[in-house]
N, C-alpha and C. Protein backbone atom coordinates (compact mmCIF):
# COMPACT_ATOMS: atom_id res chain seq x y z
N MET A 1 49.61 101.09 29.11
CA MET A 1 50.40 100.36 28.15
C MET A 1 49.84 98.97 27.90
N ARG A 2 49.46 98.30 28.96
CA ARG A 2 48.88 96.96 28.83
C ARG A 2 47.56 97.02 28.05
N MET A 3 46.77 98.04 28.32
CA MET A 3 45.49 98.21 27.62
C MET A 3 45.73 98.42 26.13
N ARG A 4 46.75 99.17 25.78
CA ARG A 4 47.06 99.44 24.38
C ARG A 4 47.44 98.12 23.66
N ASN A 5 48.23 97.28 24.32
CA ASN A 5 48.61 95.99 23.73
C ASN A 5 47.40 95.08 23.55
N LEU A 6 46.53 95.07 24.54
CA LEU A 6 45.31 94.26 24.43
C LEU A 6 44.44 94.76 23.29
N LEU A 7 44.36 96.07 23.14
CA LEU A 7 43.58 96.66 22.06
C LEU A 7 44.17 96.30 20.70
N LYS A 8 45.49 96.35 20.58
CA LYS A 8 46.15 95.97 19.33
C LYS A 8 45.88 94.51 18.98
N GLN A 9 45.96 93.65 19.99
CA GLN A 9 45.68 92.23 19.76
C GLN A 9 44.24 92.02 19.32
N LEU A 10 43.32 92.73 19.95
CA LEU A 10 41.91 92.61 19.60
C LEU A 10 41.66 93.07 18.17
N VAL A 11 42.25 94.20 17.79
CA VAL A 11 42.09 94.71 16.43
C VAL A 11 42.68 93.72 15.43
N SER A 12 43.83 93.16 15.76
CA SER A 12 44.48 92.19 14.88
C SER A 12 43.59 90.96 14.68
N LYS A 13 43.01 90.46 15.75
CA LYS A 13 42.14 89.29 15.67
C LYS A 13 40.86 89.61 14.90
N LEU A 14 40.32 90.79 15.10
CA LEU A 14 39.12 91.19 14.36
C LEU A 14 39.40 91.29 12.86
N LYS A 15 40.56 91.86 12.50
CA LYS A 15 40.94 91.93 11.09
C LYS A 15 41.04 90.54 10.49
N TYR A 16 41.64 89.62 11.24
CA TYR A 16 41.77 88.24 10.78
C TYR A 16 40.39 87.61 10.56
N LEU A 17 39.50 87.79 11.53
CA LEU A 17 38.16 87.21 11.41
C LEU A 17 37.39 87.79 10.23
N VAL A 18 37.50 89.08 10.01
CA VAL A 18 36.82 89.70 8.87
C VAL A 18 37.38 89.15 7.56
N LYS A 19 38.69 89.04 7.49
CA LYS A 19 39.33 88.50 6.28
C LYS A 19 38.87 87.07 6.01
N GLN A 20 38.84 86.24 7.04
CA GLN A 20 38.41 84.86 6.88
C GLN A 20 36.95 84.77 6.47
N THR A 21 36.12 85.65 7.02
CA THR A 21 34.71 85.67 6.65
C THR A 21 34.53 86.04 5.19
N ILE A 22 35.27 87.04 4.74
CA ILE A 22 35.18 87.46 3.35
C ILE A 22 35.62 86.33 2.42
N ILE A 23 36.62 85.57 2.82
CA ILE A 23 37.13 84.48 1.99
C ILE A 23 36.16 83.30 1.98
N TYR A 24 35.67 82.89 3.14
CA TYR A 24 34.92 81.64 3.25
C TYR A 24 33.41 81.77 3.13
N LEU A 25 32.85 82.95 3.31
CA LEU A 25 31.40 83.10 3.23
C LEU A 25 30.84 82.72 1.87
N PRO A 26 31.40 83.20 0.76
CA PRO A 26 30.85 82.79 -0.54
C PRO A 26 30.90 81.27 -0.75
N ALA A 27 31.99 80.64 -0.33
CA ALA A 27 32.11 79.19 -0.47
C ALA A 27 31.07 78.48 0.39
N SER A 28 30.84 78.99 1.58
CA SER A 28 29.85 78.40 2.47
C SER A 28 28.44 78.51 1.89
N LEU A 29 28.13 79.67 1.33
CA LEU A 29 26.81 79.85 0.71
C LEU A 29 26.63 78.93 -0.50
N GLN A 30 27.67 78.79 -1.30
CA GLN A 30 27.59 77.89 -2.46
C GLN A 30 27.39 76.45 -2.01
N ARG A 31 28.07 76.06 -0.95
CA ARG A 31 27.93 74.70 -0.44
C ARG A 31 26.50 74.45 0.05
N LYS A 32 25.91 75.41 0.74
CA LYS A 32 24.53 75.25 1.20
C LYS A 32 23.57 75.13 0.02
N ARG A 33 23.86 75.87 -1.05
CA ARG A 33 23.01 75.83 -2.23
C ARG A 33 23.07 74.45 -2.90
N LEU A 34 24.21 73.79 -2.78
CA LEU A 34 24.40 72.47 -3.40
C LEU A 34 24.21 71.34 -2.39
N ASN A 35 23.51 71.60 -1.32
CA ASN A 35 23.34 70.63 -0.24
C ASN A 35 22.66 69.34 -0.71
N HIS A 36 21.76 69.43 -1.67
CA HIS A 36 21.00 68.26 -2.10
C HIS A 36 21.55 67.66 -3.39
N VAL A 37 22.82 67.88 -3.66
CA VAL A 37 23.43 67.36 -4.89
C VAL A 37 24.52 66.37 -4.51
N THR A 38 24.52 65.24 -5.18
CA THR A 38 25.58 64.25 -5.00
C THR A 38 26.45 64.28 -6.24
N PHE A 39 27.75 64.38 -6.06
CA PHE A 39 28.70 64.37 -7.16
C PHE A 39 29.37 63.00 -7.21
N ILE A 40 29.48 62.47 -8.40
CA ILE A 40 30.15 61.19 -8.60
C ILE A 40 31.30 61.43 -9.56
N GLY A 41 32.51 61.11 -9.16
CA GLY A 41 33.68 61.26 -10.02
C GLY A 41 34.08 59.90 -10.57
N ILE A 42 34.33 59.82 -11.84
CA ILE A 42 34.76 58.58 -12.48
C ILE A 42 36.16 58.82 -13.02
N THR A 43 37.12 58.05 -12.53
CA THR A 43 38.50 58.24 -12.95
C THR A 43 39.06 56.93 -13.48
N GLY A 44 40.19 57.00 -14.08
CA GLY A 44 40.85 55.81 -14.61
C GLY A 44 41.47 56.11 -15.96
N SER A 45 42.11 55.10 -16.55
CA SER A 45 42.80 55.33 -17.80
C SER A 45 41.97 54.95 -19.02
N ALA A 46 40.91 54.19 -18.84
CA ALA A 46 40.10 53.79 -19.99
C ALA A 46 38.64 53.59 -19.56
N GLY A 47 37.71 53.87 -20.48
CA GLY A 47 36.30 53.56 -20.25
C GLY A 47 35.50 54.60 -19.49
N LYS A 48 36.05 55.78 -19.26
CA LYS A 48 35.34 56.79 -18.47
C LYS A 48 34.08 57.30 -19.18
N THR A 49 34.18 57.56 -20.47
CA THR A 49 33.03 58.13 -21.19
C THR A 49 31.87 57.15 -21.21
N MET A 50 32.15 55.89 -21.50
CA MET A 50 31.09 54.89 -21.52
C MET A 50 30.49 54.71 -20.12
N THR A 51 31.34 54.68 -19.12
CA THR A 51 30.86 54.53 -17.74
C THR A 51 30.01 55.73 -17.33
N LYS A 52 30.46 56.94 -17.71
CA LYS A 52 29.70 58.15 -17.42
C LYS A 52 28.33 58.10 -18.06
N ASP A 53 28.27 57.74 -19.34
CA ASP A 53 26.99 57.69 -20.05
C ASP A 53 26.06 56.64 -19.47
N LEU A 54 26.61 55.49 -19.11
CA LEU A 54 25.81 54.42 -18.51
C LEU A 54 25.28 54.83 -17.14
N ALA A 55 26.16 55.41 -16.31
CA ALA A 55 25.74 55.84 -14.97
C ALA A 55 24.70 56.95 -15.07
N ALA A 56 24.88 57.89 -16.00
CA ALA A 56 23.91 58.98 -16.17
C ALA A 56 22.56 58.44 -16.61
N ALA A 57 22.56 57.45 -17.50
CA ALA A 57 21.29 56.85 -17.96
C ALA A 57 20.57 56.16 -16.80
N ILE A 58 21.32 55.48 -15.96
CA ILE A 58 20.71 54.79 -14.82
C ILE A 58 20.18 55.80 -13.80
N LEU A 59 20.99 56.80 -13.46
CA LEU A 59 20.57 57.80 -12.47
C LEU A 59 19.40 58.63 -12.96
N ALA A 60 19.32 58.87 -14.25
CA ALA A 60 18.23 59.67 -14.82
C ALA A 60 16.88 58.98 -14.63
N GLN A 61 16.88 57.68 -14.42
CA GLN A 61 15.62 56.96 -14.17
C GLN A 61 15.05 57.32 -12.80
N PHE A 62 15.88 57.85 -11.92
CA PHE A 62 15.45 58.15 -10.55
C PHE A 62 15.27 59.62 -10.27
N GLY A 63 15.67 60.48 -11.20
CA GLY A 63 15.53 61.92 -10.99
C GLY A 63 16.45 62.69 -11.91
N PRO A 64 16.43 64.02 -11.79
CA PRO A 64 17.27 64.85 -12.65
C PRO A 64 18.75 64.50 -12.48
N CYS A 65 19.45 64.45 -13.58
CA CYS A 65 20.85 64.09 -13.58
C CYS A 65 21.56 64.89 -14.66
N GLN A 66 22.74 65.39 -14.34
CA GLN A 66 23.53 66.13 -15.34
C GLN A 66 24.87 65.44 -15.49
N LYS A 67 25.42 65.49 -16.69
CA LYS A 67 26.76 64.96 -16.90
C LYS A 67 27.58 65.97 -17.68
N ARG A 68 28.85 65.95 -17.46
CA ARG A 68 29.75 66.84 -18.18
C ARG A 68 29.97 66.24 -19.57
N HIS A 69 29.84 67.10 -20.58
CA HIS A 69 29.95 66.60 -21.95
C HIS A 69 31.37 66.62 -22.47
N ASN A 70 32.16 67.59 -22.08
CA ASN A 70 33.53 67.70 -22.56
C ASN A 70 34.46 67.11 -21.52
N THR A 71 34.77 65.82 -21.63
CA THR A 71 35.54 65.14 -20.57
C THR A 71 36.89 64.65 -21.06
N LYS A 72 37.36 65.10 -22.18
CA LYS A 72 38.64 64.63 -22.70
C LYS A 72 39.78 64.98 -21.74
N LYS A 73 40.55 63.97 -21.40
CA LYS A 73 41.74 64.10 -20.56
C LYS A 73 41.44 64.68 -19.18
N ARG A 74 40.25 64.52 -18.70
CA ARG A 74 39.88 64.95 -17.34
C ARG A 74 39.01 63.87 -16.74
N GLY A 75 38.87 63.90 -15.43
CA GLY A 75 37.94 62.99 -14.78
C GLY A 75 36.51 63.34 -15.18
N THR A 76 35.64 62.40 -15.08
CA THR A 76 34.24 62.59 -15.44
C THR A 76 33.45 62.85 -14.18
N ILE A 77 32.51 63.79 -14.25
CA ILE A 77 31.70 64.13 -13.08
C ILE A 77 30.22 64.05 -13.43
N LEU A 78 29.47 63.38 -12.59
CA LEU A 78 28.01 63.35 -12.70
C LEU A 78 27.45 64.06 -11.48
N ALA A 79 26.35 64.73 -11.63
CA ALA A 79 25.69 65.38 -10.50
C ALA A 79 24.23 64.95 -10.49
N LYS A 80 23.75 64.49 -9.36
CA LYS A 80 22.36 64.07 -9.25
C LYS A 80 21.70 64.88 -8.14
N TYR A 81 20.54 65.42 -8.43
CA TYR A 81 19.80 66.24 -7.47
C TYR A 81 18.88 65.36 -6.65
N HIS A 82 18.92 65.51 -5.35
CA HIS A 82 18.01 64.79 -4.44
C HIS A 82 16.94 65.76 -3.97
N GLY A 83 15.85 65.87 -4.67
CA GLY A 83 14.82 66.85 -4.37
C GLY A 83 13.98 66.60 -3.22
């Protein structure tokens, strides 16, 4: 009886671990792929687009830089690759 309970607990824990692996593995792989990228968020009530364009122009002098073009009513995000 004790062995059966231990086996049930083990199966339950294994199911949990498999479920967590399935959930988090894709996110972990994506994070590793973006390891050399720095994200900069620009928030506030005014001046985000101008600040985004200015920061992107400055960062582009040092390497590849991407900016989000459609930023209406959302925060602005810049991404710079550190090669």
